Amino acid sequence: MKFSAKEVLKPTLVLVLICLVMTAFLAGTNLLTKDAIVAQKAKVAEESRMVALPTADSFDKSTKSDICYVGKKGSDIAGYVFTTEAGSYGGKIQVMTGIDKDGKVTGVILLSTNDTPGLGLNAKKESFRKQYQQKAPDNGFEVVKGDGAKEGQGQINAMTGATISSKAVTTAVNEAIKEYQKVKGGE
């Protein structure tokens, strides 16, 4: 069987032309939506900070830490919000932690996680995250298997079947506590 250059070249050029046109459309769409995406991410981050530290009415980027925002109530410091990461079962988990000026964890928000639905994703549930709302222990929180955690003593009950995810969230919160100890009182 013999192929002519015309039989091969014509469909190839058509496919190349289609690819170029589609690439131009995708690039144009990206260019048109880039600013809206950045604005939406900033809005979601601001709303998450308000949930993590509800006593604050405004936030300023910290000058002492890249992962910290200072929450203010009027001109007074209400607390701090930290965005930290840890390795989890499904990859990186990103957590936002609010700590008030007195050292109490006021909120823990999971910003991103790829853990298993029905197990690791249970970390998004309020019942799990609420355990952190206590005075931040100097050495960080400790994960306890079963229901043996002592309330208010720096212990967190691991989620059944998701100990790795429980430890990942706790590691991220403990990283926020370390950063809090560095920045508190100096803003």
Protein backbone atom coordinates (compact mmCIF):
# COMPACT_ATOMS: atom_id res chain seq x y z
CA MET A 1 0.00 0.00 0.00
CA LYS A 2 1.38 3.33 -1.04
CA PHE A 3 0.81 6.63 0.78
CA SER A 4 1.03 9.93 -0.89
CA ALA A 5 2.34 13.00 0.92
CA LYS A 6 -1.00 14.71 0.38
CA GLU A 7 -2.93 11.92 2.18
CA VAL A 8 -0.71 12.20 5.26
CA LEU A 9 0.05 15.91 5.28
CA LYS A 10 -3.50 17.25 4.91
CA PRO A 11 -5.01 15.53 8.02
CA THR A 12 -1.87 16.34 10.02
CA LEU A 13 -2.13 20.03 9.20
CA VAL A 14 -5.85 20.04 10.05
CA LEU A 15 -5.12 18.47 13.47
CA VAL A 16 -2.29 20.93 14.14
CA LEU A 17 -4.57 23.83 13.22
CA ILE A 18 -7.34 22.55 15.51
CA CYS A 19 -4.82 22.19 18.37
CA LEU A 20 -3.53 25.74 17.84
CA VAL A 21 -7.05 27.20 17.81
CA MET A 22 -8.05 25.30 20.97
CA THR A 23 -4.83 26.34 22.71
CA ALA A 24 -5.56 29.97 21.85
CA PHE A 25 -9.09 29.64 23.27
CA LEU A 26 -7.80 28.07 26.51
CA ALA A 27 -5.11 30.73 26.89
CA GLY A 28 -7.68 33.46 26.31
CA THR A 29 -10.08 31.95 28.85
CA ASN A 30 -7.26 31.69 31.39
CA LEU A 31 -6.31 35.32 30.77
CA LEU A 32 -9.92 36.48 31.19
CA THR A 33 -10.57 34.52 34.41
CA LYS A 34 -7.16 34.83 36.12
CA ASP A 35 -8.05 37.95 38.13
CA ALA A 36 -11.47 36.58 39.11
CA ILE A 37 -9.88 33.35 40.37
CA VAL A 38 -7.31 35.26 42.45
CA ALA A 39 -10.06 37.48 43.89
CA GLN A 40 -12.23 34.45 44.73
CA LYS A 41 -9.33 32.70 46.49
CA ALA A 42 -8.62 35.86 48.51
CA LYS A 43 -12.30 36.13 49.48
CA VAL A 44 -12.43 32.47 50.60
CA ALA A 45 -9.21 32.91 52.61
CA GLU A 46 -10.61 36.03 54.33
CA GLU A 47 -13.88 34.24 55.15
CA SER A 48 -11.93 31.26 56.52
CA ARG A 49 -9.86 33.58 58.73
CA MET A 50 -13.09 35.07 60.11
CA VAL A 51 -14.34 31.57 61.00
CA ALA A 52 -10.99 30.50 62.51
CA LEU A 53 -10.78 33.65 64.67
CA PRO A 54 -14.36 34.96 65.07
CA THR A 55 -13.43 37.67 67.59
CA ALA A 56 -11.45 39.60 64.96
CA ASP A 57 -13.01 42.07 62.55
CA SER A 58 -9.95 42.60 60.32
CA PHE A 59 -6.69 40.87 59.44
CA ASP A 60 -3.21 42.08 58.53
CA LYS A 61 -0.35 39.99 57.19
CA SER A 62 2.20 39.36 59.94
CA THR A 63 5.65 40.88 59.60
CA LYS A 64 7.14 38.06 61.70
CA SER A 65 5.82 34.99 59.88
CA ASP A 66 4.90 34.13 56.29
CA ILE A 67 2.10 31.82 57.42
CA CYS A 68 0.44 34.19 59.88
CA TYR A 69 -2.22 36.87 59.81
CA VAL A 70 -2.83 39.11 62.81
CA GLY A 71 -6.51 39.41 63.74
CA LYS A 72 -7.59 42.75 65.12
CA LYS A 73 -10.69 43.94 66.92
CA GLY A 74 -10.58 47.65 66.28
CA SER A 75 -6.95 48.56 66.96
CA ASP A 76 -6.38 45.77 69.52
CA ILE A 77 -4.90 42.36 68.68
CA ALA A 78 -7.58 39.68 68.98
CA GLY A 79 -5.32 36.79 67.97
CA TYR A 80 -3.56 35.13 65.09
CA VAL A 81 -4.46 32.87 62.17
CA PHE A 82 -1.93 30.42 60.74
CA THR A 83 -2.03 28.38 57.55
CA THR A 84 0.04 25.21 57.87
CA GLU A 85 0.49 21.90 56.04
CA ALA A 86 1.21 18.30 56.97
CA GLY A 87 1.52 15.00 55.14
CA SER A 88 -1.60 12.86 55.33
CA TYR A 89 -2.95 9.62 53.90
CA GLY A 90 -4.08 11.24 50.63
CA GLY A 91 -1.18 13.69 50.32
CA LYS A 92 -0.74 17.17 51.76
CA ILE A 93 -3.40 18.53 54.06
CA GLN A 94 -3.68 22.31 54.51
CA VAL A 95 -5.12 23.63 57.77
CA MET A 96 -5.99 27.13 58.99
CA THR A 97 -5.79 27.55 62.78
CA GLY A 98 -7.00 30.52 64.81
CA ILE A 99 -5.40 31.21 68.19
CA ASP A 100 -6.59 34.11 70.32
CA LYS A 101 -4.31 36.49 72.23
CA ASP A 102 -4.69 34.34 75.37
CA GLY A 103 -3.42 31.19 73.62
CA LYS A 104 -6.75 29.41 73.11
CA VAL A 105 -7.37 27.69 69.78
CA THR A 106 -10.54 29.33 68.47
CA GLY A 107 -11.01 27.41 65.25
CA VAL A 108 -9.51 24.83 62.92
CA ILE A 109 -10.47 24.85 59.24
CA LEU A 110 -9.37 22.27 56.66
CA LEU A 111 -8.55 24.23 53.51
CA SER A 112 -7.54 21.26 51.37
CA THR A 113 -7.31 17.50 51.77
CA ASN A 114 -7.47 14.46 49.50
CA ASP A 115 -8.08 11.88 52.19
CA THR A 116 -10.56 9.02 51.91
CA PRO A 117 -14.25 9.95 51.93
CA GLY A 118 -16.02 8.52 54.98
CA LEU A 119 -12.73 8.16 56.87
CA GLY A 120 -10.06 10.85 56.58
CA LEU A 121 -12.50 13.43 55.23
CA ASN A 122 -14.34 13.16 58.55
CA ALA A 123 -11.68 15.59 59.76
CA LYS A 124 -13.82 18.29 58.14
CA LYS A 125 -16.64 17.53 60.57
CA GLU A 126 -17.23 20.03 63.35
CA SER A 127 -17.28 17.27 65.97
CA PHE A 128 -13.63 16.43 65.23
CA ARG A 129 -12.35 19.99 64.73
CA LYS A 130 -14.09 21.28 67.87
CA GLN A 131 -11.76 19.14 70.03
CA TYR A 132 -8.95 21.61 69.35
CA GLN A 133 -10.89 24.54 70.83
CA GLN A 134 -9.02 24.69 74.13
CA LYS A 135 -5.90 26.29 75.55
CA ALA A 136 -3.01 25.48 73.19
CA PRO A 137 -0.58 23.18 75.03
CA ASP A 138 3.03 24.39 75.03
CA ASN A 139 4.21 21.08 73.52
CA GLY A 140 1.25 20.76 71.15
CA PHE A 141 -1.72 18.44 71.02
CA GLU A 142 -1.47 14.66 71.35
CA VAL A 143 -3.63 12.20 69.38
CA VAL A 144 -5.21 9.43 71.45
CA LYS A 145 -6.77 6.31 69.89
CA GLY A 146 -10.24 5.38 71.01
CA ASP A 147 -12.24 7.70 73.22
CA GLY A 148 -9.56 8.13 75.89
CA ALA A 149 -8.74 11.80 75.33
CA LYS A 150 -9.06 13.96 78.41
CA GLU A 151 -11.02 17.08 77.54
CA GLY A 152 -9.14 20.33 77.95
CA GLN A 153 -5.79 18.60 78.56
CA GLY A 154 -4.28 18.80 75.09
CA GLN A 155 -5.51 15.43 73.91
CA ILE A 156 -7.45 14.76 70.70
CA ASN A 157 -9.51 11.61 70.01
CA ALA A 158 -8.38 10.05 66.73
CA MET A 159 -11.07 9.41 64.16
CA THR A 160 -11.94 5.72 63.91
CA GLY A 161 -10.13 4.21 60.91
CA ALA A 162 -8.34 7.48 60.14
CA THR A 163 -5.50 7.79 62.60
CA ILE A 164 -3.13 9.07 59.90
CA SER A 165 -5.52 11.89 59.00
CA SER A 166 -6.08 12.70 62.69
CA LYS A 167 -2.33 12.92 63.24
CA ALA A 168 -1.88 15.05 60.10
CA VAL A 169 -4.42 17.64 61.23
CA THR A 170 -2.85 17.63 64.70
CA THR A 171 0.64 18.07 63.22
CA ALA A 172 -0.58 21.09 61.23
CA VAL A 173 -2.26 22.58 64.31
CA ASN A 174 0.89 21.95 66.38
CA GLU A 175 2.93 23.78 63.73
CA ALA A 176 0.55 26.73 64.15
CA ILE A 177 1.10 26.60 67.92
CA LYS A 178 4.89 26.74 67.40
CA GLU A 179 4.48 29.78 65.15
CA TYR A 180 2.11 31.38 67.65
CA GLN A 181 4.75 31.06 70.36
CA LYS A 182 7.19 32.90 68.07
CA VAL A 183 4.91 35.81 67.12
CA LYS A 184 2.66 36.40 70.14
CA GLY A 185 2.89 39.75 71.79
CA GLY A 186 5.17 41.33 69.23
CA GLU A 187 2.82 42.66 66.58
